[in-house]
Amino acid sequence: MSSPTLETPTPRTPKATSSKQLSQRDMAGILGIDTKTLYNWKKHKPNLYRIVMLGFKFDELLECSKRNYDKLLELEAQAMAQPHKQP
């Protein structure tokens, strides 16, 4: 039986902000804006663009944490189900 391994989030570029590999078009769609608007933010309002990208990264980290928590619960259940050996 193979035990699940925990994920380690990796830094990503803005074009690949999540495990779903979101494109600029995908991110603009999620935000309800045109891709040109996102491009203009990147070029003319870099702080706003950075905040938006941090939001996407935060979502990715949160998803990863949730998956890891679920895996830890599974491992705990497996450990509790195994008979304990007395020394």
PDB file of N, CA and C in Angstrom:
ATOM      1  N   MET A   1       0.841  -1.167   0.000  1.00  0.00           N
ATOM      2  CA  MET A   1       0.000   0.000   0.000  1.00  0.00           C
ATOM      3  C   MET A   1       0.892   1.237   0.000  1.00  0.00           C
ATOM      4  N   SER A   2       0.634   2.132  -0.904  1.00  0.00           N
ATOM      5  CA  SER A   2       1.407   3.361  -1.019  1.00  0.00           C
ATOM      6  C   SER A   2       0.714   4.472  -0.248  1.00  0.00           C
ATOM      7  N   SER A   3       1.505   5.189   0.541  1.00  0.00           N
ATOM      8  CA  SER A   3       0.904   6.286   1.294  1.00  0.00           C
ATOM      9  C   SER A   3       0.963   7.557   0.458  1.00  0.00           C
ATOM     10  N   PRO A   4      -0.025   8.435   0.622  1.00  0.00           N
ATOM     11  CA  PRO A   4      -0.024   9.664  -0.159  1.00  0.00           C
ATOM     12  C   PRO A   4       1.119  10.573   0.267  1.00  0.00           C
ATOM     13  N   THR A   5       1.636  11.304  -0.683  1.00  0.00           N
ATOM     14  CA  THR A   5       2.699  12.251  -0.370  1.00  0.00           C
ATOM     15  C   THR A   5       2.119  13.653  -0.342  1.00  0.00           C
ATOM     16  N   LEU A   6       2.695  14.493   0.496  1.00  0.00           N
ATOM     17  CA  LEU A   6       2.226  15.860   0.605  1.00  0.00           C
ATOM     18  C   LEU A   6       2.822  16.695  -0.510  1.00  0.00           C
ATOM     19  N   GLU A   7       2.058  17.660  -0.969  1.00  0.00           N
ATOM     20  CA  GLU A   7       2.495  18.527  -2.050  1.00  0.00           C
ATOM     21  C   GLU A   7       3.278  19.706  -1.502  1.00  0.00           C
ATOM     22  N   THR A   8       4.235  20.136  -2.278  1.00  0.00           N
ATOM     23  CA  THR A   8       4.959  21.351  -1.947  1.00  0.00           C
ATOM     24  C   THR A   8       4.648  22.358  -3.036  1.00  0.00           C
ATOM     25  N   PRO A   9       4.015  23.483  -2.676  1.00  0.00           N
ATOM     26  CA  PRO A   9       3.716  24.472  -3.701  1.00  0.00           C
ATOM     27  C   PRO A   9       5.000  25.038  -4.289  1.00  0.00           C
ATOM     28  N   THR A  10       4.982  25.263  -5.578  1.00  0.00           N
ATOM     29  CA  THR A  10       6.155  25.814  -6.237  1.00  0.00           C
ATOM     30  C   THR A  10       5.829  27.199  -6.767  1.00  0.00           C
ATOM     31  N   PRO A  11       6.811  28.090  -6.748  1.00  0.00           N
ATOM     32  CA  PRO A  11       6.555  29.419  -7.298  1.00  0.00           C
ATOM     33  C   PRO A  11       6.287  29.314  -8.790  1.00  0.00           C
ATOM     34  N   ARG A  12       5.399  30.127  -9.264  1.00  0.00           N
ATOM     35  CA  ARG A  12       5.050  30.090 -10.678  1.00  0.00           C
ATOM     36  C   ARG A  12       5.094  31.501 -11.249  1.00  0.00           C
ATOM     37  N   THR A  13       5.237  31.542 -12.549  1.00  0.00           N
ATOM     38  CA  THR A  13       5.211  32.832 -13.220  1.00  0.00           C
ATOM     39  C   THR A  13       3.767  33.279 -13.365  1.00  0.00           C
ATOM     40  N   PRO A  14       3.523  34.563 -13.609  1.00  0.00           N
ATOM     41  CA  PRO A  14       2.149  35.019 -13.757  1.00  0.00           C
ATOM     42  C   PRO A  14       1.369  34.298 -14.848  1.00  0.00           C
ATOM     43  N   LYS A  15       2.032  33.817 -15.898  1.00  0.00           N
ATOM     44  CA  LYS A  15       1.305  33.121 -16.960  1.00  0.00           C
ATOM     45  C   LYS A  15       0.890  31.720 -16.541  1.00  0.00           C
ATOM     46  N   ALA A  16       1.496  31.192 -15.497  1.00  0.00           N
ATOM     47  CA  ALA A  16       1.148  29.859 -15.003  1.00  0.00           C
ATOM     48  C   ALA A  16       0.954  29.955 -13.502  1.00  0.00           C
ATOM     49  N   THR A  17      -0.123  30.603 -13.121  1.00  0.00           N
ATOM     50  CA  THR A  17      -0.294  30.951 -11.720  1.00  0.00           C
ATOM     51  C   THR A  17      -0.791  29.818 -10.865  1.00  0.00           C
ATOM     52  N   SER A  18      -1.367  28.813 -11.431  1.00  0.00           N
ATOM     53  CA  SER A  18      -1.880  27.734 -10.606  1.00  0.00           C
ATOM     54  C   SER A  18      -1.606  26.409 -11.260  1.00  0.00           C
ATOM     55  N   SER A  19      -1.955  25.363 -10.513  1.00  0.00           N
ATOM     56  CA  SER A  19      -1.749  24.025 -11.045  1.00  0.00           C
ATOM     57  C   SER A  19      -2.579  23.816 -12.301  1.00  0.00           C
ATOM     58  N   LYS A  20      -3.577  24.635 -12.504  1.00  0.00           N
ATOM     59  CA  LYS A  20      -4.410  24.538 -13.696  1.00  0.00           C
ATOM     60  C   LYS A  20      -3.758  25.248 -14.879  1.00  0.00           C
ATOM     61  N   GLN A  21      -2.604  25.847 -14.663  1.00  0.00           N
ATOM     62  CA  GLN A  21      -1.883  26.567 -15.707  1.00  0.00           C
ATOM     63  C   GLN A  21      -2.768  27.635 -16.347  1.00  0.00           C
ATOM     64  N   LEU A  22      -3.246  28.557 -15.543  1.00  0.00           N
ATOM     65  CA  LEU A  22      -4.110  29.616 -16.041  1.00  0.00           C
ATOM     66  C   LEU A  22      -3.348  30.534 -16.987  1.00  0.00           C
ATOM     67  N   SER A  23      -3.962  30.829 -18.107  1.00  0.00           N
ATOM     68  CA  SER A  23      -3.378  31.782 -19.045  1.00  0.00           C
ATOM     69  C   SER A  23      -3.840  33.185 -18.672  1.00  0.00           C
ATOM     70  N   GLN A  24      -3.269  34.165 -19.326  1.00  0.00           N
ATOM     71  CA  GLN A  24      -3.705  35.543 -19.109  1.00  0.00           C
ATOM     72  C   GLN A  24      -5.199  35.669 -19.433  1.00  0.00           C
ATOM     73  N   ARG A  25      -5.632  34.992 -20.477  1.00  0.00           N
ATOM     74  CA  ARG A  25      -7.048  35.017 -20.859  1.00  0.00           C
ATOM     75  C   ARG A  25      -7.914  34.400 -19.764  1.00  0.00           C
ATOM     76  N   ASP A  26      -7.456  33.274 -19.208  1.00  0.00           N
ATOM     77  CA  ASP A  26      -8.201  32.622 -18.124  1.00  0.00           C
ATOM     78  C   ASP A  26      -8.324  33.549 -16.917  1.00  0.00           C
ATOM     79  N   MET A  27      -7.203  34.167 -16.542  1.00  0.00           N
ATOM     80  CA  MET A  27      -7.215  35.056 -15.379  1.00  0.00           C
ATOM     81  C   MET A  27      -8.129  36.253 -15.622  1.00  0.00           C
ATOM     82  N   ALA A  28      -8.062  36.820 -16.827  1.00  0.00           N
ATOM     83  CA  ALA A  28      -8.932  37.951 -17.152  1.00  0.00           C
ATOM     84  C   ALA A  28     -10.395  37.527 -17.073  1.00  0.00           C
ATOM     85  N   GLY A  29     -10.705  36.338 -17.562  1.00  0.00           N
ATOM     86  CA  GLY A  29     -12.076  35.835 -17.489  1.00  0.00           C
ATOM     87  C   GLY A  29     -12.545  35.673 -16.057  1.00  0.00           C
ATOM     88  N   ILE A  30     -11.686  35.139 -15.206  1.00  0.00           N
ATOM     89  CA  ILE A  30     -12.028  34.966 -13.792  1.00  0.00           C
ATOM     90  C   ILE A  30     -12.294  36.325 -13.148  1.00  0.00           C
ATOM     91  N   LEU A  31     -11.494  37.316 -13.528  1.00  0.00           N
ATOM     92  CA  LEU A  31     -11.636  38.657 -12.963  1.00  0.00           C
ATOM     93  C   LEU A  31     -12.761  39.462 -13.617  1.00  0.00           C
ATOM     94  N   GLY A  32     -13.276  38.964 -14.743  1.00  0.00           N
ATOM     95  CA  GLY A  32     -14.341  39.676 -15.442  1.00  0.00           C
ATOM     96  C   GLY A  32     -13.847  40.907 -16.184  1.00  0.00           C
ATOM     97  N   ILE A  33     -12.614  40.835 -16.671  1.00  0.00           N
ATOM     98  CA  ILE A  33     -12.031  41.955 -17.411  1.00  0.00           C
ATOM     99  C   ILE A  33     -11.487  41.443 -18.734  1.00  0.00           C
ATOM    100  N   ASP A  34     -11.146  42.356 -19.617  1.00  0.00           N
ATOM    101  CA  ASP A  34     -10.550  42.025 -20.898  1.00  0.00           C
ATOM    102  C   ASP A  34      -9.066  41.729 -20.697  1.00  0.00           C
ATOM    103  N   THR A  35      -8.499  40.911 -21.561  1.00  0.00           N
ATOM    104  CA  THR A  35      -7.066  40.612 -21.449  1.00  0.00           C
ATOM    105  C   THR A  35      -6.225  41.871 -21.636  1.00  0.00           C
ATOM    106  N   LYS A  36      -6.720  42.812 -22.436  1.00  0.00           N
ATOM    107  CA  LYS A  36      -5.996  44.079 -22.624  1.00  0.00           C
ATOM    108  C   LYS A  36      -5.911  44.847 -21.308  1.00  0.00           C
ATOM    109  N   THR A  37      -6.970  44.774 -20.515  1.00  0.00           N
ATOM    110  CA  THR A  37      -6.963  45.451 -19.217  1.00  0.00           C
ATOM    111  C   THR A  37      -5.889  44.851 -18.327  1.00  0.00           C
ATOM    112  N   LEU A  38      -5.809  43.525 -18.303  1.00  0.00           N
ATOM    113  CA  LEU A  38      -4.793  42.856 -17.496  1.00  0.00           C
ATOM    114  C   LEU A  38      -3.395  43.254 -17.967  1.00  0.00           C
ATOM    115  N   TYR A  39      -3.205  43.295 -19.285  1.00  0.00           N
ATOM    116  CA  TYR A  39      -1.921  43.719 -19.842  1.00  0.00           C
ATOM    117  C   TYR A  39      -1.605  45.159 -19.433  1.00  0.00           C
ATOM    118  N   ASN A  40      -2.608  46.043 -19.516  1.00  0.00           N
ATOM    119  CA  ASN A  40      -2.389  47.446 -19.137  1.00  0.00           C
ATOM    120  C   ASN A  40      -2.047  47.575 -17.659  1.00  0.00           C
ATOM    121  N   TRP A  41      -2.681  46.773 -16.815  1.00  0.00           N
ATOM    122  CA  TRP A  41      -2.342  46.795 -15.391  1.00  0.00           C
ATOM    123  C   TRP A  41      -0.881  46.408 -15.203  1.00  0.00           C
ATOM    124  N   LYS A  42      -0.473  45.365 -15.938  1.00  0.00           N
ATOM    125  CA  LYS A  42       0.908  44.894 -15.810  1.00  0.00           C
ATOM    126  C   LYS A  42       1.888  45.995 -16.232  1.00  0.00           C
ATOM    127  N   LYS A  43       1.546  46.695 -17.304  1.00  0.00           N
ATOM    128  CA  LYS A  43       2.443  47.708 -17.851  1.00  0.00           C
ATOM    129  C   LYS A  43       2.378  49.036 -17.089  1.00  0.00           C
ATOM    130  N   HIS A  44       1.159  49.488 -16.751  1.00  0.00           N
ATOM    131  CA  HIS A  44       0.999  50.831 -16.196  1.00  0.00           C
ATOM    132  C   HIS A  44       0.684  50.871 -14.700  1.00  0.00           C
ATOM    133  N   LYS A  45       0.221  49.767 -14.159  1.00  0.00           N
ATOM    134  CA  LYS A  45      -0.100  49.711 -12.726  1.00  0.00           C
ATOM    135  C   LYS A  45       0.493  48.427 -12.139  1.00  0.00           C
ATOM    136  N   PRO A  46       1.826  48.360 -12.088  1.00  0.00           N
ATOM    137  CA  PRO A  46       2.476  47.113 -11.672  1.00  0.00           C
ATOM    138  C   PRO A  46       2.105  46.667 -10.257  1.00  0.00           C
ATOM    139  N   ASN A  47       1.842  47.605  -9.361  1.00  0.00           N
ATOM    140  CA  ASN A  47       1.451  47.201  -8.003  1.00  0.00           C
ATOM    141  C   ASN A  47       0.091  46.515  -7.999  1.00  0.00           C
ATOM    142  N   LEU A  48      -0.852  47.042  -8.761  1.00  0.00           N
ATOM    143  CA  LEU A  48      -2.168  46.413  -8.868  1.00  0.00           C
ATOM    144  C   LEU A  48      -2.036  45.021  -9.481  1.00  0.00           C
ATOM    145  N   TYR A  49      -1.260  44.931 -10.552  1.00  0.00           N
ATOM    146  CA  TYR A  49      -1.046  43.643 -11.212  1.00  0.00           C
ATOM    147  C   TYR A  49      -0.420  42.643 -10.242  1.00  0.00           C
ATOM    148  N   ARG A  50       0.564  43.089  -9.477  1.00  0.00           N
ATOM    149  CA  ARG A  50       1.233  42.221  -8.509  1.00  0.00           C
ATOM    150  C   ARG A  50       0.240  41.717  -7.460  1.00  0.00           C
ATOM    151  N   ILE A  51      -0.636  42.593  -6.993  1.00  0.00           N
ATOM    152  CA  ILE A  51      -1.643  42.194  -6.004  1.00  0.00           C
ATOM    153  C   ILE A  51      -2.583  41.144  -6.591  1.00  0.00           C
ATOM    154  N   VAL A  52      -2.990  41.345  -7.832  1.00  0.00           N
ATOM    155  CA  VAL A  52      -3.870  40.372  -8.490  1.00  0.00           C
ATOM    156  C   VAL A  52      -3.163  39.022  -8.607  1.00  0.00           C
ATOM    157  N   MET A  53      -1.898  39.036  -9.017  1.00  0.00           N
ATOM    158  CA  MET A  53      -1.149  37.788  -9.154  1.00  0.00           C
ATOM    159  C   MET A  53      -0.966  37.112  -7.795  1.00  0.00           C
ATOM    160  N   LEU A  54      -0.754  37.903  -6.754  1.00  0.00           N
ATOM    161  CA  LEU A  54      -0.642  37.330  -5.408  1.00  0.00           C
ATOM    162  C   LEU A  54      -1.951  36.667  -4.995  1.00  0.00           C
ATOM    163  N   GLY A  55      -3.063  37.243  -5.410  1.00  0.00           N
ATOM    164  CA  GLY A  55      -4.359  36.634  -5.122  1.00  0.00           C
ATOM    165  C   GLY A  55      -4.482  35.262  -5.764  1.00  0.00           C
ATOM    166  N   PHE A  56      -4.050  35.143  -7.011  1.00  0.00           N
ATOM    167  CA  PHE A  56      -4.085  33.842  -7.680  1.00  0.00           C
ATOM    168  C   PHE A  56      -3.139  32.852  -6.995  1.00  0.00           C
ATOM    169  N   LYS A  57      -1.964  33.324  -6.604  1.00  0.00           N
ATOM    170  CA  LYS A  57      -1.017  32.448  -5.906  1.00  0.00           C
ATOM    171  C   LYS A  57      -1.569  32.019  -4.554  1.00  0.00           C
ATOM    172  N   PHE A  58      -2.237  32.943  -3.858  1.00  0.00           N
ATOM    173  CA  PHE A  58      -2.852  32.610  -2.577  1.00  0.00           C
ATOM    174  C   PHE A  58      -3.892  31.508  -2.759  1.00  0.00           C
ATOM    175  N   ASP A  59      -4.715  31.629  -3.793  1.00  0.00           N
ATOM    176  CA  ASP A  59      -5.714  30.592  -4.068  1.00  0.00           C
ATOM    177  C   ASP A  59      -5.052  29.240  -4.298  1.00  0.00           C
ATOM    178  N   GLU A  60      -3.949  29.248  -5.048  1.00  0.00           N
ATOM    179  CA  GLU A  60      -3.235  27.998  -5.311  1.00  0.00           C
ATOM    180  C   GLU A  60      -2.694  27.394  -4.017  1.00  0.00           C
ATOM    181  N   LEU A  61      -2.093  28.232  -3.183  1.00  0.00           N
ATOM    182  CA  LEU A  61      -1.544  27.743  -1.916  1.00  0.00           C
ATOM    183  C   LEU A  61      -2.644  27.214  -1.009  1.00  0.00           C
ATOM    184  N   LEU A  62      -3.775  27.880  -1.004  1.00  0.00           N
ATOM    185  CA  LEU A  62      -4.901  27.439  -0.189  1.00  0.00           C
ATOM    186  C   LEU A  62      -5.416  26.080  -0.665  1.00  0.00           C
ATOM    187  N   GLU A  63      -5.542  25.913  -1.981  1.00  0.00           N
ATOM    188  CA  GLU A  63      -5.966  24.624  -2.532  1.00  0.00           C
ATOM    189  C   GLU A  63      -4.977  23.522  -2.162  1.00  0.00           C
ATOM    190  N   CYS A  64      -3.692  23.819  -2.270  1.00  0.00           N
ATOM    191  CA  CYS A  64      -2.649  22.847  -1.935  1.00  0.00           C
ATOM    192  C   CYS A  64      -2.721  22.485  -0.456  1.00  0.00           C
ATOM    193  N   SER A  65      -2.928  23.467   0.391  1.00  0.00           N
ATOM    194  CA  SER A  65      -3.042  23.210   1.833  1.00  0.00           C
ATOM    195  C   SER A  65      -4.241  22.327   2.139  1.00  0.00           C
ATOM    196  N   LYS A  66      -5.349  22.577   1.468  1.00  0.00           N
ATOM    197  CA  LYS A  66      -6.545  21.753   1.679  1.00  0.00           C
ATOM    198  C   LYS A  66      -6.286  20.302   1.268  1.00  0.00           C
ATOM    199  N   ARG A  67      -5.627  20.124   0.117  1.00  0.00           N
ATOM    200  CA  ARG A  67      -5.318  18.754  -0.329  1.00  0.00           C
ATOM    201  C   ARG A  67      -4.381  18.068   0.660  1.00  0.00           C
ATOM    202  N   ASN A  68      -3.370  18.796   1.143  1.00  0.00           N
ATOM    203  CA  ASN A  68      -2.441  18.216   2.115  1.00  0.00           C
ATOM    204  C   ASN A  68      -3.152  17.863   3.413  1.00  0.00           C
ATOM    205  N   TYR A  69      -4.066  18.703   3.861  1.00  0.00           N
ATOM    206  CA  TYR A  69      -4.823  18.426   5.080  1.00  0.00           C
ATOM    207  C   TYR A  69      -5.643  17.147   4.908  1.00  0.00           C
ATOM    208  N   ASP A  70      -6.289  17.015   3.761  1.00  0.00           N
ATOM    209  CA  ASP A  70      -7.068  15.802   3.496  1.00  0.00           C
ATOM    210  C   ASP A  70      -6.172  14.562   3.495  1.00  0.00           C
ATOM    211  N   LYS A  71      -4.977  14.684   2.918  1.00  0.00           N
ATOM    212  CA  LYS A  71      -4.047  13.554   2.907  1.00  0.00           C
ATOM    213  C   LYS A  71      -3.588  13.209   4.321  1.00  0.00           C
ATOM    214  N   LEU A  72      -3.351  14.236   5.133  1.00  0.00           N
ATOM    215  CA  LEU A  72      -2.950  13.984   6.520  1.00  0.00           C
ATOM    216  C   LEU A  72      -4.065  13.281   7.296  1.00  0.00           C
ATOM    217  N   LEU A  73      -5.305  13.677   7.062  1.00  0.00           N
ATOM    218  CA  LEU A  73      -6.429  12.997   7.713  1.00  0.00           C
ATOM    219  C   LEU A  73      -6.492  11.532   7.289  1.00  0.00           C
ATOM    220  N   GLU A  74      -6.232  11.286   6.015  1.00  0.00           N
ATOM    221  CA  GLU A  74      -6.224   9.914   5.505  1.00  0.00           C
ATOM    222  C   GLU A  74      -5.110   9.101   6.169  1.00  0.00           C
ATOM    223  N   LEU A  75      -3.921   9.690   6.273  1.00  0.00           N
ATOM    224  CA  LEU A  75      -2.803   8.999   6.920  1.00  0.00           C
ATOM    225  C   LEU A  75      -3.102   8.722   8.390  1.00  0.00           C
ATOM    226  N   GLU A  76      -3.721   9.678   9.060  1.00  0.00           N
ATOM    227  CA  GLU A  76      -4.077   9.491  10.460  1.00  0.00           C
ATOM    228  C   GLU A  76      -5.067   8.341  10.607  1.00  0.00           C
ATOM    229  N   ALA A  77      -6.052   8.287   9.723  1.00  0.00           N
ATOM    230  CA  ALA A  77      -7.043   7.210   9.772  1.00  0.00           C
ATOM    231  C   ALA A  77      -6.374   5.858   9.533  1.00  0.00           C
ATOM    232  N   GLN A  78      -5.434   5.812   8.598  1.00  0.00           N
ATOM    233  CA  GLN A  78      -4.714   4.564   8.333  1.00  0.00           C
ATOM    234  C   GLN A  78      -3.896   4.155   9.549  1.00  0.00           C
ATOM    235  N   ALA A  79      -3.229   5.106  10.170  1.00  0.00           N
ATOM    236  CA  ALA A  79      -2.401   4.805  11.339  1.00  0.00           C
ATOM    237  C   ALA A  79      -3.259   4.321  12.499  1.00  0.00           C
ATOM    238  N   MET A  80      -4.417   4.911  12.682  1.00  0.00           N
ATOM    239  CA  MET A  80      -5.306   4.515  13.777  1.00  0.00           C
ATOM    240  C   MET A  80      -5.918   3.140  13.528  1.00  0.00           C
ATOM    241  N   ALA A  81      -6.053   2.757  12.267  1.00  0.00           N
ATOM    242  CA  ALA A  81      -6.660   1.472  11.928  1.00  0.00           C
ATOM    243  C   ALA A  81      -5.678   0.311  12.076  1.00  0.00           C
ATOM    244  N   GLN A  82      -4.383   0.598  12.064  1.00  0.00           N
ATOM    245  CA  GLN A  82      -3.382  -0.458  12.188  1.00  0.00           C
ATOM    246  C   GLN A  82      -3.258  -0.879  13.647  1.00  0.00           C
ATOM    247  N   PRO A  83      -3.119  -2.191  13.875  1.00  0.00           N
ATOM    248  CA  PRO A  83      -2.935  -2.643  15.259  1.00  0.00           C
ATOM    249  C   PRO A  83      -1.585  -2.163  15.797  1.00  0.00           C
ATOM    250  N   HIS A  84      -1.597  -1.757  17.049  1.00  0.00           N
ATOM    251  CA  HIS A  84      -0.368  -1.273  17.684  1.00  0.00           C
ATOM    252  C   HIS A  84       0.389  -2.446  18.280  1.00  0.00           C
ATOM    253  N   LYS A  85       1.696  -2.468  18.041  1.00  0.00           N
ATOM    254  CA  LYS A  85       2.541  -3.525  18.598  1.00  0.00           C
ATOM    255  C   LYS A  85       3.077  -3.063  19.940  1.00  0.00           C
ATOM    256  N   GLN A  86       3.010  -3.929  20.907  1.00  0.00           N
ATOM    257  CA  GLN A  86       3.547  -3.626  22.231  1.00  0.00           C
ATOM    258  C   GLN A  86       5.022  -3.993  22.253  1.00  0.00           C
ATOM    259  N   PRO A  87       5.892  -3.146  22.817  1.00  0.00           N
ATOM    260  CA  PRO A  87       7.338  -3.456  22.864  1.00  0.00           C
ATOM    261  C   PRO A  87       7.640  -4.579  23.819  1.00  0.00           C
TER     262      PRO A  87
END
